[in-house]
C-alpha cells in the first residue's frame, strides 16, 4: 500500500468514528437511499428483456494469453451458440474474455461494471445498451443473480470467491431457485473443494449437508462447462430466479 493509499484509509477510519448530529446522519442516509434506488431501477429496466443469460466470473488480472482467458472466451462463444447470452462484471481479464466470446458470436453481451480505485474499467466487447456501472456491490450482485440462468466461475480472487459463495448460499437456503454453478479449473478449485468436504462436511459439527455438494460442479474444459448447463435446463424451464 502506498503512502497516499494508507493516508486515505486512515482518513476513512477516522471519519467513521467522528461524532455527527442526527440531521447530518439522516441527510447522508437519505441521499444514499436515493442512489441505491436509482441503481436498482436502472438495472431492472435495462436487464428485464435480455433473455436467458449465464454469468461468467473470474479474475480481472488474467492476461489475454492465459489459458483461462482463452477458456472463458470459448465458453462464452459456446453458450451463445447454445442460445444463451453472457453477463460479466464488465471489466478486463476473464470478464473481457466472456464478453469477447459472446460478442464474436453475435450474442447478447452484458457488462455490470463497478467503480473501483484500481483494475476496473469496462471492456470494449459489451453491447452499448447493456453496460451498467454501479457504486454498490450488493446492487450489482442482485443483478447477477436475478437475471442469470447459471454461473460459470473461473479462477479469481476475493471478488470471485464472494460471487461463488453468494450464489451457493442463496441456493442452499432456498432464497432463490436452484440454477447450475460450474467451477472451471480442477487444479485451481481442487484445494477449496477438498477443504469443503473435509472441514465443512466432515467437521464436528458438520456445517453443511452431503446434498450441498451437488449444488456445484467442477470441470476442466469449455465443452463440459456448457454441458452442465445444457443438461440442467433439459429438465427445468428457463425463468428469472426471483
Protein backbone atom coordinates (compact mmCIF):
# COMPACT_ATOMS: atom_id res chain seq x y z
CA UNK A 1 0.00 0.00 0.00
CA UNK A 2 1.39 3.39 -0.99
CA UNK A 3 1.71 6.30 1.44
CA UNK A 4 -1.24 8.04 -0.23
CA UNK A 5 -3.46 4.95 -0.05
CA UNK A 6 -2.52 4.43 3.59
CA UNK A 7 -3.38 8.05 4.43
CA UNK A 8 -6.74 7.77 2.60
CA UNK A 9 -7.52 4.60 4.53
CA UNK A 10 -6.66 6.25 7.83
CA UNK A 11 -8.85 9.24 6.93
CA UNK A 12 -11.82 6.96 6.18
CA UNK A 13 -11.40 5.16 9.52
CA UNK A 14 -11.12 8.48 11.35
CA UNK A 15 -14.27 9.85 9.68
CA UNK A 16 -16.18 6.69 10.62
CA UNK A 17 -15.61 7.47 14.31
CA UNK A 18 -16.40 11.17 14.12
CA UNK A 19 -19.44 12.27 16.09
CA UNK A 20 -22.17 13.63 13.83
CA UNK A 21 -25.55 15.07 14.71
CA UNK A 22 -28.80 13.35 13.74
CA UNK A 23 -29.65 15.75 10.90
CA UNK A 24 -26.29 15.15 9.25
CA UNK A 25 -26.68 11.37 9.52
CA UNK A 26 -30.27 11.47 8.24
CA UNK A 27 -29.35 13.65 5.27
CA UNK A 28 -26.44 11.44 4.31
CA UNK A 29 -28.55 8.28 4.59
CA UNK A 30 -31.36 9.79 2.51
CA UNK A 31 -29.03 10.57 -0.37
CA UNK A 32 -27.58 7.06 -0.17
CA UNK A 33 -31.08 5.52 -0.36
CA UNK A 34 -31.93 7.54 -3.49
CA UNK A 35 -28.65 6.49 -5.13
CA UNK A 36 -29.27 2.83 -4.28
CA UNK A 37 -32.84 3.06 -5.61
CA UNK A 38 -31.66 4.62 -8.86
CA UNK A 39 -29.16 1.79 -9.41
CA UNK A 40 -31.86 -0.83 -8.85
CA UNK A 41 -34.31 0.92 -11.19
CA UNK A 42 -31.76 1.32 -13.98
CA UNK A 43 -30.65 -2.29 -13.61
CA UNK A 44 -34.18 -3.69 -13.69
CA UNK A 45 -35.13 -1.57 -16.69
CA UNK A 46 -32.08 -2.44 -18.77
CA UNK A 47 -31.90 -6.13 -17.93
CA UNK A 48 -35.59 -7.09 -17.86
CA UNK A 49 -35.64 -8.14 -21.51
CA UNK A 50 -32.20 -9.66 -22.06
CA UNK A 51 -33.50 -13.24 -22.12
CA UNK A 52 -31.69 -16.35 -20.82
CA UNK A 53 -28.11 -15.50 -19.82
CA UNK A 54 -25.23 -17.10 -17.96
CA UNK A 55 -22.92 -15.09 -15.71
CA UNK A 56 -19.19 -15.66 -16.14
CA UNK A 57 -16.90 -14.76 -13.25
CA UNK A 58 -13.15 -14.71 -12.80
CA UNK A 59 -10.15 -12.53 -12.18
CA UNK A 60 -9.71 -9.09 -13.72
CA UNK A 61 -5.95 -9.76 -13.63
CA UNK A 62 -5.96 -12.71 -16.04
CA UNK A 63 -3.80 -11.81 -19.09
CA UNK A 64 -5.11 -12.32 -22.63
CA UNK A 65 -2.57 -15.03 -23.44
CA UNK A 66 -3.51 -17.14 -20.40
CA UNK A 67 -5.30 -20.47 -20.85
CA UNK A 68 -8.13 -19.38 -18.54
CA UNK A 69 -8.76 -16.23 -20.62
CA UNK A 70 -8.98 -18.36 -23.75
CA UNK A 71 -11.19 -20.90 -21.99
CA UNK A 72 -13.58 -18.17 -20.81
CA UNK A 73 -13.80 -16.82 -24.35
CA UNK A 74 -14.55 -20.31 -25.70
CA UNK A 75 -17.18 -20.95 -23.02
CA UNK A 76 -18.95 -17.69 -23.82
CA UNK A 77 -18.94 -18.42 -27.55
CA UNK A 78 -20.37 -21.91 -26.96
CA UNK A 79 -23.05 -20.53 -24.63
CA UNK A 80 -24.20 -18.10 -27.33
CA UNK A 81 -24.30 -20.89 -29.90
CA UNK A 82 -26.47 -22.85 -27.45
CA UNK A 83 -28.93 -19.98 -27.10
CA UNK A 84 -27.71 -18.07 -24.04
CA UNK A 85 -26.45 -14.53 -23.60
CA UNK A 86 -23.49 -13.74 -21.35
CA UNK A 87 -23.26 -11.49 -18.28
CA UNK A 88 -19.91 -10.46 -16.81
CA UNK A 89 -18.61 -7.90 -14.37
CA UNK A 90 -17.76 -5.75 -17.38
CA UNK A 91 -14.05 -5.31 -16.68
CA UNK A 92 -10.79 -6.76 -18.04
CA UNK A 93 -9.36 -10.28 -17.67
CA UNK A 94 -11.86 -13.13 -17.52
CA UNK A 95 -14.71 -10.64 -17.77
CA UNK A 96 -13.37 -9.26 -21.04
CA UNK A 97 -12.89 -12.81 -22.35
CA UNK A 98 -16.52 -13.65 -21.58
CA UNK A 99 -17.84 -10.56 -23.32
CA UNK A 100 -15.48 -11.09 -26.25
CA UNK A 101 -16.67 -14.66 -26.79
CA UNK A 102 -20.31 -13.59 -26.75
CA UNK A 103 -19.65 -10.60 -29.00
CA UNK A 104 -17.77 -12.71 -31.55
CA UNK A 105 -20.83 -14.94 -31.98
CA UNK A 106 -23.30 -12.06 -32.18
CA UNK A 107 -24.91 -12.92 -28.85
CA UNK A 108 -26.09 -10.71 -26.01
CA UNK A 109 -23.06 -9.36 -24.16
CA UNK A 110 -23.90 -7.72 -20.81
CA UNK A 111 -21.43 -5.88 -18.56
CA UNK A 112 -22.18 -4.96 -14.95
CA UNK A 113 -19.27 -2.71 -14.14
CA UNK A 114 -18.27 -1.49 -10.66
CA UNK A 115 -16.43 1.69 -9.72
CA UNK A 116 -13.18 0.69 -8.02
CA UNK A 117 -9.96 2.58 -7.19
CA UNK A 118 -7.91 0.14 -9.33
CA UNK A 119 -8.19 -2.51 -12.05
CA UNK A 120 -11.78 -1.97 -13.12
CA UNK A 121 -12.71 -0.36 -16.43
CA UNK A 122 -15.29 -1.58 -18.89
CA UNK A 123 -14.09 -3.65 -21.83
CA UNK A 124 -15.00 -2.93 -25.45
CA UNK A 125 -16.99 -6.11 -26.13
CA UNK A 126 -20.13 -5.14 -24.18
CA UNK A 127 -23.33 -4.20 -26.02
CA UNK A 128 -23.64 -0.45 -25.57
CA UNK A 129 -27.25 -0.73 -24.36
CA UNK A 130 -26.30 -3.43 -21.86
CA UNK A 131 -23.49 -1.69 -19.98
CA UNK A 132 -24.27 -0.61 -16.43
CA UNK A 133 -21.91 0.89 -13.86
CA UNK A 134 -22.61 0.50 -10.14
CA UNK A 135 -21.30 2.12 -6.97
CA UNK A 136 -22.69 -0.60 -4.72
CA UNK A 137 -21.52 -4.21 -4.84
CA UNK A 138 -24.74 -5.52 -3.31
CA UNK A 139 -26.92 -3.93 -6.02
CA UNK A 140 -24.65 -5.36 -8.70
CA UNK A 141 -24.85 -8.84 -7.17
CA UNK A 142 -28.65 -8.72 -7.21
CA UNK A 143 -28.49 -8.09 -10.96
CA UNK A 144 -26.12 -11.01 -11.49
CA UNK A 145 -28.42 -13.39 -9.64
CA UNK A 146 -31.82 -12.13 -10.78
CA UNK A 147 -31.02 -12.29 -14.48
CA UNK A 148 -28.60 -15.23 -14.68
CA UNK A 149 -29.66 -18.77 -15.54
CA UNK A 150 -26.36 -20.10 -14.27
CA UNK A 151 -22.86 -19.20 -13.10
CA UNK A 152 -19.59 -20.22 -14.70
CA UNK A 153 -16.78 -19.41 -12.27
CA UNK A 154 -13.18 -19.35 -13.47
CA UNK A 155 -10.15 -18.77 -11.22
CA UNK A 156 -10.09 -15.43 -9.44
CA UNK A 157 -9.52 -13.64 -6.15
CA UNK A 158 -11.69 -12.48 -3.26
CA UNK A 159 -14.36 -10.98 -5.53
CA UNK A 160 -14.73 -14.21 -7.49
CA UNK A 161 -14.96 -16.26 -4.29
CA UNK A 162 -17.54 -13.83 -2.94
CA UNK A 163 -19.72 -14.25 -6.02
CA UNK A 164 -19.42 -18.04 -5.90
CA UNK A 165 -20.34 -18.33 -2.23
CA UNK A 166 -23.11 -15.72 -2.55
CA UNK A 167 -24.86 -17.81 -5.20
CA UNK A 168 -24.19 -21.02 -3.29
CA UNK A 169 -25.64 -19.62 -0.06
CA UNK A 170 -28.79 -18.28 -1.70
CA UNK A 171 -29.48 -21.61 -3.38
CA UNK A 172 -28.67 -23.65 -0.27
CA UNK A 173 -31.08 -21.56 1.85
CA UNK A 174 -33.82 -21.61 -0.83
CA UNK A 175 -33.79 -17.83 -1.15
CA UNK A 176 -33.62 -18.27 -4.91
CA UNK A 177 -34.44 -21.13 -7.23
CA UNK A 178 -31.67 -23.57 -7.97
CA UNK A 179 -29.52 -22.91 -11.02
CA UNK A 180 -26.25 -24.52 -12.13
CA UNK A 181 -22.92 -23.31 -10.74
CA UNK A 182 -19.89 -24.53 -12.67
CA UNK A 183 -16.34 -24.14 -11.36
CA UNK A 184 -13.80 -24.27 -14.20
CA UNK A 185 -10.25 -25.45 -13.48
CA UNK A 186 -9.83 -28.55 -11.31
CA UNK A 187 -6.26 -27.66 -10.35
CA UNK A 188 -7.36 -24.24 -9.08
CA UNK A 189 -10.56 -25.28 -7.29
CA UNK A 190 -9.40 -28.69 -6.05
CA UNK A 191 -7.95 -27.43 -2.76
CA UNK A 192 -11.08 -25.45 -1.92
CA UNK A 193 -13.36 -28.37 -2.75
CA UNK A 194 -11.24 -30.70 -0.58
CA UNK A 195 -11.47 -28.23 2.30
CA UNK A 196 -15.25 -28.00 1.88
CA UNK A 197 -15.51 -31.80 2.00
CA UNK A 198 -13.06 -32.42 4.86
CA UNK A 199 -13.74 -29.39 7.07
CA UNK A 200 -17.29 -28.23 6.38
CA UNK A 201 -18.92 -31.58 5.65
CA UNK A 202 -16.97 -33.87 8.00
CA UNK A 203 -16.15 -31.42 10.76
CA UNK A 204 -17.52 -31.57 14.28
CA UNK A 205 -20.22 -30.42 13.94
CA UNK A 206 -20.72 -30.83 10.20
CA UNK A 207 -21.51 -27.38 8.81
CA UNK A 208 -23.09 -28.47 5.52
CA UNK A 209 -25.03 -31.49 4.27
CA UNK A 210 -23.87 -34.10 1.79
CA UNK A 211 -26.50 -32.86 -0.66
CA UNK A 212 -24.94 -29.37 -0.65
CA UNK A 213 -22.02 -30.77 -2.65
CA UNK A 214 -24.47 -31.32 -5.52
CA UNK A 215 -25.10 -27.56 -5.82
CA UNK A 216 -21.96 -27.03 -7.89
CA UNK A 217 -19.89 -28.89 -10.47
CA UNK A 218 -16.16 -28.81 -11.21
CA UNK A 219 -14.97 -29.19 -14.81
CA UNK A 220 -11.77 -28.71 -16.76
CA UNK A 221 -12.83 -27.51 -20.23
CA UNK A 222 -15.33 -25.37 -22.11
CA UNK A 223 -17.33 -28.26 -23.53
CA UNK A 224 -18.01 -29.78 -20.11
CA UNK A 225 -18.87 -26.38 -18.62
CA UNK A 226 -21.60 -25.75 -21.20
CA UNK A 227 -22.75 -29.37 -20.98
CA UNK A 228 -23.54 -28.98 -17.27
CA UNK A 229 -25.81 -26.01 -18.03
CA UNK A 230 -27.47 -27.66 -21.03
CA UNK A 231 -28.20 -30.85 -19.09
CA UNK A 232 -29.66 -28.89 -16.21
CA UNK A 233 -32.05 -26.98 -18.45
CA UNK A 234 -33.08 -30.09 -20.33
CA UNK A 235 -35.00 -30.84 -17.11
CA UNK A 236 -36.09 -27.34 -16.00
CA UNK A 237 -37.62 -24.31 -17.65
CA UNK A 238 -35.59 -21.13 -18.06
CA UNK A 239 -37.01 -18.33 -15.91
CA UNK A 240 -35.84 -15.42 -13.70
CA UNK A 241 -34.59 -16.55 -10.30
CA UNK A 242 -36.99 -14.36 -8.28
